[in-house]
């Protein structure tokens, strides 16, 4: 009994979706880093839920603020803030942060597949 629930917790520990507290509007994201697996040349989307539809967020990759480009852009859908990478490349692997005021949510992108050159 106990062992089964422990292994289930280990499996799902880093990817739980219930990190947003709707009552307080707080995202305790320092506790959770979402692991994201992406494939070369495929589209990948990072999603961050905010407390208010008007909330602005900033996205960072490895500590540097991201701006929209030909391959990367941001989208707002209600309370969701998304960072969309249209065609993943090996260089897109790394740590991403969604920052909404004092709250931060971390993502780690792992890129699989070989880049064709």
Protein backbone atom coordinates (compact mmCIF):
# COMPACT_ATOMS: atom_id res chain seq x y z
CA UNK A 1 0.00 0.00 0.00
CA UNK A 2 2.46 2.64 1.16
CA UNK A 3 5.10 1.74 -1.43
CA UNK A 4 2.63 2.14 -4.28
CA UNK A 5 1.63 5.65 -3.26
CA UNK A 6 5.28 6.61 -2.74
CA UNK A 7 6.32 5.59 -6.24
CA UNK A 8 3.32 7.40 -7.68
CA UNK A 9 4.38 10.54 -5.81
CA UNK A 10 7.95 10.23 -7.10
CA UNK A 11 6.68 9.85 -10.65
CA UNK A 12 4.43 12.91 -10.54
CA UNK A 13 6.35 15.02 -8.05
CA UNK A 14 7.95 17.48 -10.47
CA UNK A 15 5.06 17.80 -12.90
CA UNK A 16 2.05 18.50 -10.69
CA UNK A 17 -0.25 21.04 -12.29
CA UNK A 18 -1.90 22.13 -9.04
CA UNK A 19 0.72 24.71 -8.07
CA UNK A 20 -1.57 27.73 -8.48
CA UNK A 21 -3.50 28.80 -5.39
CA UNK A 22 -6.67 30.48 -6.70
CA UNK A 23 -7.59 31.84 -3.27
CA UNK A 24 -4.41 33.83 -2.71
CA UNK A 25 -3.34 34.22 -6.33
CA UNK A 26 0.08 32.93 -5.36
CA UNK A 27 2.15 30.61 -7.50
CA UNK A 28 4.60 28.90 -5.14
CA UNK A 29 6.83 28.11 -8.06
CA UNK A 30 10.11 28.14 -6.18
CA UNK A 31 8.98 24.72 -4.96
CA UNK A 32 8.27 23.24 -8.36
CA UNK A 33 10.26 23.23 -11.57
CA UNK A 34 8.33 21.84 -14.49
CA UNK A 35 10.35 19.48 -16.65
CA UNK A 36 9.46 19.89 -20.32
CA UNK A 37 10.57 17.51 -23.04
CA UNK A 38 10.75 19.08 -26.50
CA UNK A 39 11.76 17.64 -29.86
CA UNK A 40 13.91 19.40 -32.45
CA UNK A 41 11.81 21.20 -35.13
CA UNK A 42 8.58 20.70 -33.13
CA UNK A 43 6.51 23.42 -31.45
CA UNK A 44 6.56 23.63 -27.66
CA UNK A 45 4.56 25.83 -25.29
CA UNK A 46 5.27 26.81 -21.68
CA UNK A 47 2.17 27.89 -19.73
CA UNK A 48 1.97 29.95 -16.57
CA UNK A 49 -1.34 30.75 -14.82
CA UNK A 50 -1.74 34.18 -13.23
CA UNK A 51 -4.25 35.56 -10.72
CA UNK A 52 -5.74 38.27 -12.94
CA UNK A 53 -6.43 38.49 -16.67
CA UNK A 54 -4.60 41.86 -16.76
CA UNK A 55 -1.40 40.52 -15.18
CA UNK A 56 1.71 41.04 -17.29
CA UNK A 57 4.53 38.53 -17.13
CA UNK A 58 8.16 38.51 -18.20
CA UNK A 59 9.88 35.44 -19.59
CA UNK A 60 13.54 34.69 -19.01
CA UNK A 61 15.85 32.02 -20.41
CA UNK A 62 18.96 31.21 -18.38
CA UNK A 63 18.61 34.57 -16.61
CA UNK A 64 18.17 36.76 -19.72
CA UNK A 65 14.83 38.38 -20.55
CA UNK A 66 13.25 37.05 -23.73
CA UNK A 67 11.72 39.19 -26.42
CA UNK A 68 9.53 38.04 -29.27
CA UNK A 69 11.37 36.91 -32.38
CA UNK A 70 10.66 34.90 -35.53
CA UNK A 71 10.74 31.64 -33.58
CA UNK A 72 9.60 32.67 -30.08
CA UNK A 73 6.51 34.64 -29.05
CA UNK A 74 4.21 35.09 -26.08
CA UNK A 75 0.46 34.64 -25.91
CA UNK A 76 -2.17 35.64 -23.35
CA UNK A 77 -5.31 33.53 -23.07
CA UNK A 78 -7.46 34.63 -20.12
CA UNK A 79 -5.32 33.92 -17.05
CA UNK A 80 -2.82 31.82 -19.00
CA UNK A 81 0.47 33.33 -20.12
CA UNK A 82 2.31 31.25 -22.68
CA UNK A 83 5.74 31.22 -24.22
CA UNK A 84 5.61 29.53 -27.61
CA UNK A 85 8.69 28.23 -29.41
CA UNK A 86 7.56 27.51 -32.98
CA UNK A 87 10.45 25.29 -33.99
CA UNK A 88 12.61 23.95 -31.17
CA UNK A 89 16.37 23.88 -31.67
CA UNK A 90 19.09 22.36 -29.47
CA UNK A 91 19.99 25.86 -28.24
CA UNK A 92 16.47 26.25 -26.78
CA UNK A 93 17.30 23.76 -24.01
CA UNK A 94 17.74 25.39 -20.62
CA UNK A 95 15.92 26.99 -17.71
CA UNK A 96 12.99 29.30 -18.37
CA UNK A 97 11.32 31.56 -15.82
CA UNK A 98 7.84 33.09 -15.99
CA UNK A 99 7.87 36.15 -13.72
CA UNK A 100 4.64 37.81 -12.57
CA UNK A 101 5.59 40.52 -10.07
CA UNK A 102 7.27 38.83 -7.10
CA UNK A 103 6.15 35.35 -8.20
CA UNK A 104 8.21 33.13 -10.45
CA UNK A 105 7.62 29.80 -12.11
CA UNK A 106 10.50 27.74 -13.43
CA UNK A 107 10.61 25.40 -16.40
CA UNK A 108 13.46 23.21 -17.59
CA UNK A 109 13.40 22.34 -21.30
CA UNK A 110 15.18 19.20 -22.45
CA UNK A 111 15.55 18.95 -26.21
CA UNK A 112 15.59 15.56 -27.92
CA UNK A 113 16.44 14.78 -31.52
CA UNK A 114 19.25 15.75 -33.84
CA UNK A 115 19.50 19.10 -35.53
CA UNK A 116 19.84 18.87 -39.26
CA UNK A 117 22.41 21.16 -40.76
